[in-house]
């Protein structure tokens, strides 16, 4: 497996866990993880983990910037990975 595969697996798992932790903290009324961190993890390659966290934990599903940006980031990441995979096969 390539470095990219490992990186994407780790960043998506970390992002998914972070969304779950933030949802748990929201329910308990505790200190929250900043939205900038949640979006930053998604932008750093964790968009699939972010979308999974949003859907599984029902977290940030009413915030327009998450509902729009996370799926958009996922599409961008899929296209980029497709280009990288195509380029590496040459």
PDB file of N, CA and C in Angstrom:
ATOM      1  N   UNK A   1       0.834  -1.188   0.000  1.00  0.00           N
ATOM      2  CA  UNK A   1       0.000   0.000   0.000  1.00  0.00           C
ATOM      3  C   UNK A   1       0.875   1.247   0.000  1.00  0.00           C
ATOM      4  N   UNK A   2       0.375   2.262  -0.608  1.00  0.00           N
ATOM      5  CA  UNK A   2       1.144   3.488  -0.733  1.00  0.00           C
ATOM      6  C   UNK A   2       0.969   4.377   0.499  1.00  0.00           C
ATOM      7  N   UNK A   3       1.842   5.365   0.585  1.00  0.00           N
ATOM      8  CA  UNK A   3       1.757   6.350   1.661  1.00  0.00           C
ATOM      9  C   UNK A   3       0.398   7.044   1.639  1.00  0.00           C
ATOM     10  N   UNK A   4      -0.098   7.375   0.454  1.00  0.00           N
ATOM     11  CA  UNK A   4      -1.383   8.063   0.329  1.00  0.00           C
ATOM     12  C   UNK A   4      -2.513   7.226   0.933  1.00  0.00           C
ATOM     13  N   UNK A   5      -2.490   5.931   0.697  1.00  0.00           N
ATOM     14  CA  UNK A   5      -3.525   5.047   1.237  1.00  0.00           C
ATOM     15  C   UNK A   5      -3.504   5.065   2.764  1.00  0.00           C
ATOM     16  N   UNK A   6      -2.315   4.944   3.352  1.00  0.00           N
ATOM     17  CA  UNK A   6      -2.191   4.982   4.813  1.00  0.00           C
ATOM     18  C   UNK A   6      -2.633   6.337   5.362  1.00  0.00           C
ATOM     19  N   UNK A   7      -2.183   7.394   4.703  1.00  0.00           N
ATOM     20  CA  UNK A   7      -2.535   8.736   5.153  1.00  0.00           C
ATOM     21  C   UNK A   7      -4.049   8.924   5.161  1.00  0.00           C
ATOM     22  N   UNK A   8      -4.713   8.568   4.071  1.00  0.00           N
ATOM     23  CA  UNK A   8      -6.158   8.752   3.975  1.00  0.00           C
ATOM     24  C   UNK A   8      -6.907   7.898   5.003  1.00  0.00           C
ATOM     25  N   UNK A   9      -6.423   6.690   5.239  1.00  0.00           N
ATOM     26  CA  UNK A   9      -7.063   5.834   6.245  1.00  0.00           C
ATOM     27  C   UNK A   9      -6.952   6.467   7.634  1.00  0.00           C
ATOM     28  N   UNK A  10      -5.783   6.961   7.974  1.00  0.00           N
ATOM     29  CA  UNK A  10      -5.566   7.545   9.303  1.00  0.00           C
ATOM     30  C   UNK A  10      -6.329   8.856   9.465  1.00  0.00           C
ATOM     31  N   UNK A  11      -6.238   9.752   8.489  1.00  0.00           N
ATOM     32  CA  UNK A  11      -6.892  11.055   8.619  1.00  0.00           C
ATOM     33  C   UNK A  11      -8.413  10.913   8.642  1.00  0.00           C
ATOM     34  N   UNK A  12      -8.958   9.969   7.885  1.00  0.00           N
ATOM     35  CA  UNK A  12     -10.413   9.775   7.900  1.00  0.00           C
ATOM     36  C   UNK A  12     -10.875   9.152   9.203  1.00  0.00           C
ATOM     37  N   UNK A  13     -10.115   8.215   9.756  1.00  0.00           N
ATOM     38  CA  UNK A  13     -10.472   7.634  11.053  1.00  0.00           C
ATOM     39  C   UNK A  13     -10.387   8.696  12.142  1.00  0.00           C
ATOM     40  N   UNK A  14      -9.312   9.480  12.135  1.00  0.00           N
ATOM     41  CA  UNK A  14      -9.136  10.537  13.122  1.00  0.00           C
ATOM     42  C   UNK A  14     -10.265  11.564  13.021  1.00  0.00           C
ATOM     43  N   UNK A  15     -10.654  11.920  11.825  1.00  0.00           N
ATOM     44  CA  UNK A  15     -11.739  12.886  11.626  1.00  0.00           C
ATOM     45  C   UNK A  15     -13.056  12.322  12.131  1.00  0.00           C
ATOM     46  N   UNK A  16     -13.332  11.068  11.817  1.00  0.00           N
ATOM     47  CA  UNK A  16     -14.568  10.424  12.272  1.00  0.00           C
ATOM     48  C   UNK A  16     -14.640  10.400  13.802  1.00  0.00           C
ATOM     49  N   UNK A  17     -13.527  10.030  14.441  1.00  0.00           N
ATOM     50  CA  UNK A  17     -13.470   9.998  15.906  1.00  0.00           C
ATOM     51  C   UNK A  17     -13.683  11.403  16.477  1.00  0.00           C
ATOM     52  N   UNK A  18     -13.076  12.394  15.863  1.00  0.00           N
ATOM     53  CA  UNK A  18     -13.204  13.775  16.338  1.00  0.00           C
ATOM     54  C   UNK A  18     -14.643  14.256  16.261  1.00  0.00           C
ATOM     55  N   UNK A  19     -15.336  13.931  15.187  1.00  0.00           N
ATOM     56  CA  UNK A  19     -16.753  14.301  15.075  1.00  0.00           C
ATOM     57  C   UNK A  19     -17.577  13.604  16.158  1.00  0.00           C
ATOM     58  N   UNK A  20     -17.266  12.355  16.432  1.00  0.00           N
ATOM     59  CA  UNK A  20     -17.968  11.635  17.495  1.00  0.00           C
ATOM     60  C   UNK A  20     -17.707  12.235  18.867  1.00  0.00           C
ATOM     61  N   UNK A  21     -16.449  12.585  19.137  1.00  0.00           N
ATOM     62  CA  UNK A  21     -16.116  13.217  20.414  1.00  0.00           C
ATOM     63  C   UNK A  21     -16.832  14.557  20.573  1.00  0.00           C
ATOM     64  N   UNK A  22     -16.866  15.336  19.513  1.00  0.00           N
ATOM     65  CA  UNK A  22     -17.523  16.634  19.585  1.00  0.00           C
ATOM     66  C   UNK A  22     -19.021  16.479  19.827  1.00  0.00           C
ATOM     67  N   UNK A  23     -19.624  15.489  19.213  1.00  0.00           N
ATOM     68  CA  UNK A  23     -21.058  15.253  19.430  1.00  0.00           C
ATOM     69  C   UNK A  23     -21.312  14.852  20.889  1.00  0.00           C
ATOM     70  N   UNK A  24     -20.444  13.987  21.412  1.00  0.00           N
ATOM     71  CA  UNK A  24     -20.584  13.587  22.815  1.00  0.00           C
ATOM     72  C   UNK A  24     -20.428  14.767  23.755  1.00  0.00           C
ATOM     73  N   UNK A  25     -19.465  15.631  23.475  1.00  0.00           N
ATOM     74  CA  UNK A  25     -19.261  16.819  24.297  1.00  0.00           C
ATOM     75  C   UNK A  25     -20.452  17.771  24.180  1.00  0.00           C
ATOM     76  N   UNK A  26     -21.052  17.858  23.005  1.00  0.00           N
ATOM     77  CA  UNK A  26     -22.215  18.725  22.817  1.00  0.00           C
ATOM     78  C   UNK A  26     -23.383  18.237  23.664  1.00  0.00           C
ATOM     79  N   UNK A  27     -23.576  16.945  23.704  1.00  0.00           N
ATOM     80  CA  UNK A  27     -24.675  16.379  24.497  1.00  0.00           C
ATOM     81  C   UNK A  27     -24.484  16.636  25.988  1.00  0.00           C
ATOM     82  N   UNK A  28     -23.211  16.619  26.426  1.00  0.00           N
ATOM     83  CA  UNK A  28     -22.913  16.786  27.846  1.00  0.00           C
ATOM     84  C   UNK A  28     -22.722  18.244  28.243  1.00  0.00           C
ATOM     85  N   UNK A  29     -22.787  19.142  27.271  1.00  0.00           N
ATOM     86  CA  UNK A  29     -22.625  20.561  27.568  1.00  0.00           C
ATOM     87  C   UNK A  29     -21.197  20.939  27.933  1.00  0.00           C
ATOM     88  N   UNK A  30     -20.223  20.172  27.488  1.00  0.00           N
ATOM     89  CA  UNK A  30     -18.816  20.430  27.791  1.00  0.00           C
ATOM     90  C   UNK A  30     -18.164  21.264  26.691  1.00  0.00           C
ATOM     91  N   UNK A  31     -16.890  21.596  26.932  1.00  0.00           N
ATOM     92  CA  UNK A  31     -16.096  22.347  25.967  1.00  0.00           C
ATOM     93  C   UNK A  31     -16.085  21.617  24.639  1.00  0.00           C
ATOM     94  N   UNK A  32     -16.252  22.355  23.544  1.00  0.00           N
ATOM     95  CA  UNK A  32     -16.400  21.772  22.210  1.00  0.00           C
ATOM     96  C   UNK A  32     -15.127  21.905  21.390  1.00  0.00           C
ATOM     97  N   UNK A  33     -15.020  21.055  20.402  1.00  0.00           N
ATOM     98  CA  UNK A  33     -13.937  21.140  19.433  1.00  0.00           C
ATOM     99  C   UNK A  33     -14.325  22.241  18.448  1.00  0.00           C
ATOM    100  N   UNK A  34     -13.413  23.182  18.176  1.00  0.00           N
ATOM    101  CA  UNK A  34     -13.763  24.296  17.274  1.00  0.00           C
ATOM    102  C   UNK A  34     -14.165  23.809  15.875  1.00  0.00           C
ATOM    103  N   UNK A  35     -15.124  24.508  15.279  1.00  0.00           N
ATOM    104  CA  UNK A  35     -15.565  24.173  13.919  1.00  0.00           C
ATOM    105  C   UNK A  35     -14.407  24.254  12.938  1.00  0.00           C
ATOM    106  N   UNK A  36     -13.498  25.182  13.175  1.00  0.00           N
ATOM    107  CA  UNK A  36     -12.319  25.328  12.305  1.00  0.00           C
ATOM    108  C   UNK A  36     -11.492  24.039  12.298  1.00  0.00           C
ATOM    109  N   UNK A  37     -11.394  23.378  13.450  1.00  0.00           N
ATOM    110  CA  UNK A  37     -10.659  22.115  13.534  1.00  0.00           C
ATOM    111  C   UNK A  37     -11.392  21.017  12.774  1.00  0.00           C
ATOM    112  N   UNK A  38     -12.710  20.946  12.953  1.00  0.00           N
ATOM    113  CA  UNK A  38     -13.499  19.923  12.258  1.00  0.00           C
ATOM    114  C   UNK A  38     -13.401  20.094  10.741  1.00  0.00           C
ATOM    115  N   UNK A  39     -13.534  21.319  10.267  1.00  0.00           N
ATOM    116  CA  UNK A  39     -13.432  21.578   8.833  1.00  0.00           C
ATOM    117  C   UNK A  39     -12.000  21.400   8.336  1.00  0.00           C
ATOM    118  N   UNK A  40     -11.031  21.740   9.164  1.00  0.00           N
ATOM    119  CA  UNK A  40      -9.629  21.575   8.791  1.00  0.00           C
ATOM    120  C   UNK A  40      -9.252  20.121   8.597  1.00  0.00           C
ATOM    121  N   UNK A  41      -9.739  19.262   9.484  1.00  0.00           N
ATOM    122  CA  UNK A  41      -9.483  17.820   9.335  1.00  0.00           C
ATOM    123  C   UNK A  41     -10.113  17.294   8.047  1.00  0.00           C
ATOM    124  N   UNK A  42     -11.313  17.769   7.756  1.00  0.00           N
ATOM    125  CA  UNK A  42     -11.986  17.353   6.516  1.00  0.00           C
ATOM    126  C   UNK A  42     -11.199  17.830   5.301  1.00  0.00           C
ATOM    127  N   UNK A  43     -10.721  19.061   5.340  1.00  0.00           N
ATOM    128  CA  UNK A  43      -9.969  19.617   4.213  1.00  0.00           C
ATOM    129  C   UNK A  43      -8.616  18.935   4.037  1.00  0.00           C
ATOM    130  N   UNK A  44      -8.064  18.420   5.126  1.00  0.00           N
ATOM    131  CA  UNK A  44      -6.755  17.760   5.080  1.00  0.00           C
ATOM    132  C   UNK A  44      -6.833  16.337   4.534  1.00  0.00           C
ATOM    133  N   UNK A  45      -8.004  15.949   4.062  1.00  0.00           N
ATOM    134  CA  UNK A  45      -8.158  14.625   3.474  1.00  0.00           C
ATOM    135  C   UNK A  45      -9.179  13.758   4.194  1.00  0.00           C
ATOM    136  N   UNK A  46      -9.745  14.268   5.274  1.00  0.00           N
ATOM    137  CA  UNK A  46     -10.693  13.478   6.059  1.00  0.00           C
ATOM    138  C   UNK A  46     -12.145  13.727   5.721  1.00  0.00           C
ATOM    139  N   UNK A  47     -12.429  14.077   4.487  1.00  0.00           N
ATOM    140  CA  UNK A  47     -13.812  14.404   4.116  1.00  0.00           C
ATOM    141  C   UNK A  47     -14.745  13.195   4.218  1.00  0.00           C
ATOM    142  N   UNK A  48     -14.263  12.016   3.885  1.00  0.00           N
ATOM    143  CA  UNK A  48     -15.109  10.818   4.000  1.00  0.00           C
ATOM    144  C   UNK A  48     -15.413  10.525   5.470  1.00  0.00           C
ATOM    145  N   UNK A  49     -14.417  10.671   6.322  1.00  0.00           N
ATOM    146  CA  UNK A  49     -14.621  10.479   7.755  1.00  0.00           C
ATOM    147  C   UNK A  49     -15.551  11.524   8.332  1.00  0.00           C
ATOM    148  N   UNK A  50     -15.433  12.757   7.841  1.00  0.00           N
ATOM    149  CA  UNK A  50     -16.315  13.832   8.299  1.00  0.00           C
ATOM    150  C   UNK A  50     -17.761  13.550   7.898  1.00  0.00           C
ATOM    151  N   UNK A  51     -17.963  13.141   6.653  1.00  0.00           N
ATOM    152  CA  UNK A  51     -19.321  12.846   6.199  1.00  0.00           C
ATOM    153  C   UNK A  51     -19.898  11.656   6.963  1.00  0.00           C
ATOM    154  N   UNK A  52     -19.087  10.639   7.177  1.00  0.00           N
ATOM    155  CA  UNK A  52     -19.546   9.480   7.959  1.00  0.00           C
ATOM    156  C   UNK A  52     -19.894   9.904   9.385  1.00  0.00           C
ATOM    157  N   UNK A  53     -19.069  10.763   9.981  1.00  0.00           N
ATOM    158  CA  UNK A  53     -19.344  11.254  11.331  1.00  0.00           C
ATOM    159  C   UNK A  53     -20.602  12.090  11.388  1.00  0.00           C
ATOM    160  N   UNK A  54     -20.791  12.932  10.393  1.00  0.00           N
ATOM    161  CA  UNK A  54     -22.003  13.746  10.344  1.00  0.00           C
ATOM    162  C   UNK A  54     -23.247  12.864  10.288  1.00  0.00           C
ATOM    163  N   UNK A  55     -23.196  11.840   9.446  1.00  0.00           N
ATOM    164  CA  UNK A  55     -24.375  10.984   9.274  1.00  0.00           C
ATOM    165  C   UNK A  55     -24.567  10.015  10.436  1.00  0.00           C
ATOM    166  N   UNK A  56     -23.498   9.399  10.894  1.00  0.00           N
ATOM    167  CA  UNK A  56     -23.617   8.411  11.968  1.00  0.00           C
ATOM    168  C   UNK A  56     -23.977   9.036  13.313  1.00  0.00           C
ATOM    169  N   UNK A  57     -23.361  10.190  13.621  1.00  0.00           N
ATOM    170  CA  UNK A  57     -23.598  10.837  14.906  1.00  0.00           C
ATOM    171  C   UNK A  57     -24.660  11.925  14.824  1.00  0.00           C
ATOM    172  N   UNK A  58     -25.193  12.161  13.617  1.00  0.00           N
ATOM    173  CA  UNK A  58     -26.152  13.250  13.371  1.00  0.00           C
ATOM    174  C   UNK A  58     -25.609  14.549  13.951  1.00  0.00           C
ATOM    175  N   UNK A  59     -24.414  14.877  13.501  1.00  0.00           N
ATOM    176  CA  UNK A  59     -23.703  16.026  14.038  1.00  0.00           C
ATOM    177  C   UNK A  59     -23.402  17.037  12.931  1.00  0.00           C
ATOM    178  N   UNK A  60     -23.709  18.289  13.188  1.00  0.00           N
ATOM    179  CA  UNK A  60     -23.477  19.393  12.259  1.00  0.00           C
ATOM    180  C   UNK A  60     -24.304  19.263  10.977  1.00  0.00           C
ATOM    181  N   UNK A  61     -25.400  18.542  11.048  1.00  0.00           N
ATOM    182  CA  UNK A  61     -26.217  18.315   9.862  1.00  0.00           C
ATOM    183  C   UNK A  61     -27.164  19.484   9.563  1.00  0.00           C
ATOM    184  N   UNK A  62     -27.252  20.447  10.458  1.00  0.00           N
ATOM    185  CA  UNK A  62     -28.107  21.614  10.223  1.00  0.00           C
ATOM    186  C   UNK A  62     -27.292  22.869   9.961  1.00  0.00           C
ATOM    187  N   UNK A  63     -25.991  22.732   9.965  1.00  0.00           N
ATOM    188  CA  UNK A  63     -25.096  23.862   9.697  1.00  0.00           C
ATOM    189  C   UNK A  63     -24.769  23.876   8.211  1.00  0.00           C
ATOM    190  N   UNK A  64     -25.182  24.922   7.527  1.00  0.00           N
ATOM    191  CA  UNK A  64     -25.023  25.000   6.071  1.00  0.00           C
ATOM    192  C   UNK A  64     -23.571  24.857   5.637  1.00  0.00           C
ATOM    193  N   UNK A  65     -22.638  25.448   6.382  1.00  0.00           N
ATOM    194  CA  UNK A  65     -21.242  25.365   5.937  1.00  0.00           C
ATOM    195  C   UNK A  65     -20.717  23.939   5.986  1.00  0.00           C
ATOM    196  N   UNK A  66     -21.266  23.087   6.838  1.00  0.00           N
ATOM    197  CA  UNK A  66     -20.866  21.686   6.880  1.00  0.00           C
ATOM    198  C   UNK A  66     -21.609  20.881   5.819  1.00  0.00           C
ATOM    199  N   UNK A  67     -22.909  21.130   5.694  1.00  0.00           N
ATOM    200  CA  UNK A  67     -23.737  20.385   4.742  1.00  0.00           C
ATOM    201  C   UNK A  67     -23.276  20.619   3.304  1.00  0.00           C
ATOM    202  N   UNK A  68     -22.762  21.793   3.027  1.00  0.00           N
ATOM    203  CA  UNK A  68     -22.292  22.116   1.680  1.00  0.00           C
ATOM    204  C   UNK A  68     -20.815  21.739   1.502  1.00  0.00           C
ATOM    205  N   UNK A  69     -19.979  22.142   2.450  1.00  0.00           N
ATOM    206  CA  UNK A  69     -18.536  21.997   2.248  1.00  0.00           C
ATOM    207  C   UNK A  69     -18.033  20.565   2.365  1.00  0.00           C
ATOM    208  N   UNK A  70     -18.586  19.766   3.251  1.00  0.00           N
ATOM    209  CA  UNK A  70     -18.070  18.398   3.429  1.00  0.00           C
ATOM    210  C   UNK A  70     -18.304  17.556   2.172  1.00  0.00           C
ATOM    211  N   UNK A  71     -19.516  17.500   1.606  1.00  0.00           N
ATOM    212  CA  UNK A  71     -19.674  16.743   0.352  1.00  0.00           C
ATOM    213  C   UNK A  71     -18.836  17.315  -0.801  1.00  0.00           C
ATOM    214  N   UNK A  72     -18.706  18.643  -0.851  1.00  0.00           N
ATOM    215  CA  UNK A  72     -17.877  19.258  -1.901  1.00  0.00           C
ATOM    216  C   UNK A  72     -16.419  18.836  -1.754  1.00  0.00           C
ATOM    217  N   UNK A  73     -15.921  18.839  -0.528  1.00  0.00           N
ATOM    218  CA  UNK A  73     -14.548  18.384  -0.277  1.00  0.00           C
ATOM    219  C   UNK A  73     -14.371  16.919  -0.653  1.00  0.00           C
ATOM    220  N   UNK A  74     -15.388  16.108  -0.370  1.00  0.00           N
ATOM    221  CA  UNK A  74     -15.307  14.693  -0.717  1.00  0.00           C
ATOM    222  C   UNK A  74     -15.183  14.502  -2.226  1.00  0.00           C
ATOM    223  N   UNK A  75     -15.961  15.242  -2.980  1.00  0.00           N
ATOM    224  CA  UNK A  75     -15.877  15.160  -4.445  1.00  0.00           C
ATOM    225  C   UNK A  75     -14.491  15.592  -4.920  1.00  0.00           C
ATOM    226  N   UNK A  76     -14.002  16.706  -4.380  1.00  0.00           N
ATOM    227  CA  UNK A  76     -12.670  17.188  -4.755  1.00  0.00           C
ATOM    228  C   UNK A  76     -11.603  16.155  -4.416  1.00  0.00           C
ATOM    229  N   UNK A  77     -11.688  15.571  -3.223  1.00  0.00           N
ATOM    230  CA  UNK A  77     -10.701  14.566  -2.819  1.00  0.00           C
ATOM    231  C   UNK A  77     -10.758  13.327  -3.710  1.00  0.00           C
ATOM    232  N   UNK A  78     -11.959  12.902  -4.075  1.00  0.00           N
ATOM    233  CA  UNK A  78     -12.084  11.735  -4.959  1.00  0.00           C
ATOM    234  C   UNK A  78     -11.456  12.011  -6.326  1.00  0.00           C
ATOM    235  N   UNK A  79     -11.691  13.203  -6.854  1.00  0.00           N
ATOM    236  CA  UNK A  79     -11.104  13.571  -8.140  1.00  0.00           C
ATOM    237  C   UNK A  79      -9.581  13.609  -8.031  1.00  0.00           C
ATOM    238  N   UNK A  80      -9.063  14.215  -6.972  1.00  0.00           N
ATOM    239  CA  UNK A  80      -7.613  14.282  -6.781  1.00  0.00           C
ATOM    240  C   UNK A  80      -6.986  12.898  -6.650  1.00  0.00           C
ATOM    241  N   UNK A  81      -7.603  12.036  -5.876  1.00  0.00           N
ATOM    242  CA  UNK A  81      -7.075  10.681  -5.716  1.00  0.00           C
ATOM    243  C   UNK A  81      -7.146   9.936  -7.046  1.00  0.00           C
ATOM    244  N   UNK A  82      -8.201  10.154  -7.807  1.00  0.00           N
ATOM    245  CA  UNK A  82      -8.302   9.538  -9.127  1.00  0.00           C
ATOM    246  C   UNK A  82      -7.183   9.988 -10.054  1.00  0.00           C
ATOM    247  N   UNK A  83      -6.900  11.293 -10.049  1.00  0.00           N
ATOM    248  CA  UNK A  83      -5.796  11.808 -10.861  1.00  0.00           C
ATOM    249  C   UNK A  83      -4.456  11.239 -10.407  1.00  0.00           C
ATOM    250  N   UNK A  84      -4.256  11.180  -9.099  1.00  0.00           N
ATOM    251  CA  UNK A  84      -3.002  10.643  -8.573  1.00  0.00           C
ATOM    252  C   UNK A  84      -2.852   9.175  -8.942  1.00  0.00           C
ATOM    253  N   UNK A  85      -3.937   8.417  -8.813  1.00  0.00           N
ATOM    254  CA  UNK A  85      -3.893   6.985  -9.169  1.00  0.00           C
ATOM    255  C   UNK A  85      -3.613   6.817 -10.648  1.00  0.00           C
ATOM    256  N   UNK A  86      -4.262   7.618 -11.474  1.00  0.00           N
ATOM    257  CA  UNK A  86      -4.037   7.534 -12.931  1.00  0.00           C
ATOM    258  C   UNK A  86      -2.606   7.902 -13.278  1.00  0.00           C
ATOM    259  N   UNK A  87      -2.086   8.945 -12.655  1.00  0.00           N
ATOM    260  CA  UNK A  87      -0.730   9.403 -12.921  1.00  0.00           C
ATOM    261  C   UNK A  87       0.297   8.370 -12.467  1.00  0.00           C
ATOM    262  N   UNK A  88       0.032   7.710 -11.337  1.00  0.00           N
ATOM    263  CA  UNK A  88       1.005   6.741 -10.816  1.00  0.00           C
ATOM    264  C   UNK A  88       1.041   5.453 -11.635  1.00  0.00           C
ATOM    265  N   UNK A  89      -0.001   5.207 -12.432  1.00  0.00           N
ATOM    266  CA  UNK A  89      -0.025   4.007 -13.276  1.00  0.00           C
ATOM    267  C   UNK A  89       0.789   4.175 -14.563  1.00  0.00           C
ATOM    268  N   UNK A  90       1.125   5.408 -14.889  1.00  0.00           N
ATOM    269  CA  UNK A  90       1.850   5.669 -16.138  1.00  0.00           C
ATOM    270  C   UNK A  90       3.314   5.346 -15.987  1.00  0.00           C
TER     271      UNK A  90
END
